[in-house]
């Protein structure tokens, strides 16, 4: 496999010349379009920001709350992934679930 460039956000090519594209399913959100001569045109510019969200119910609820809140402020949110998770404990019981999220959104011109 050879690199398409030195930057981490540029896709890798397999031995046949096809790009191995980043998956928006996992929050990377870099939309690329393949050209016949292996050129890549970036269709949009994405930015990633980090937020912390919490819930007293579960990690899943903390993620949902974080994405919902981020979507109120950030336009064009396309994905998020959990960078870190932890719990707050009091008297041997979990009192709060916290997640650190990386949120991807597309910048407008």
Foldseek 3Di string as FASTA:
>chain_A
DAQPDDDPQGFRADPVLDTPHDDLVAPSPFDWDADPVSDIDGPFDKDKDKDKFKDQPDQVVRVVVVVVVCCVPDPAWRDKHFPDKDFDDDPRDTRMIMTIMIIMGTDDD
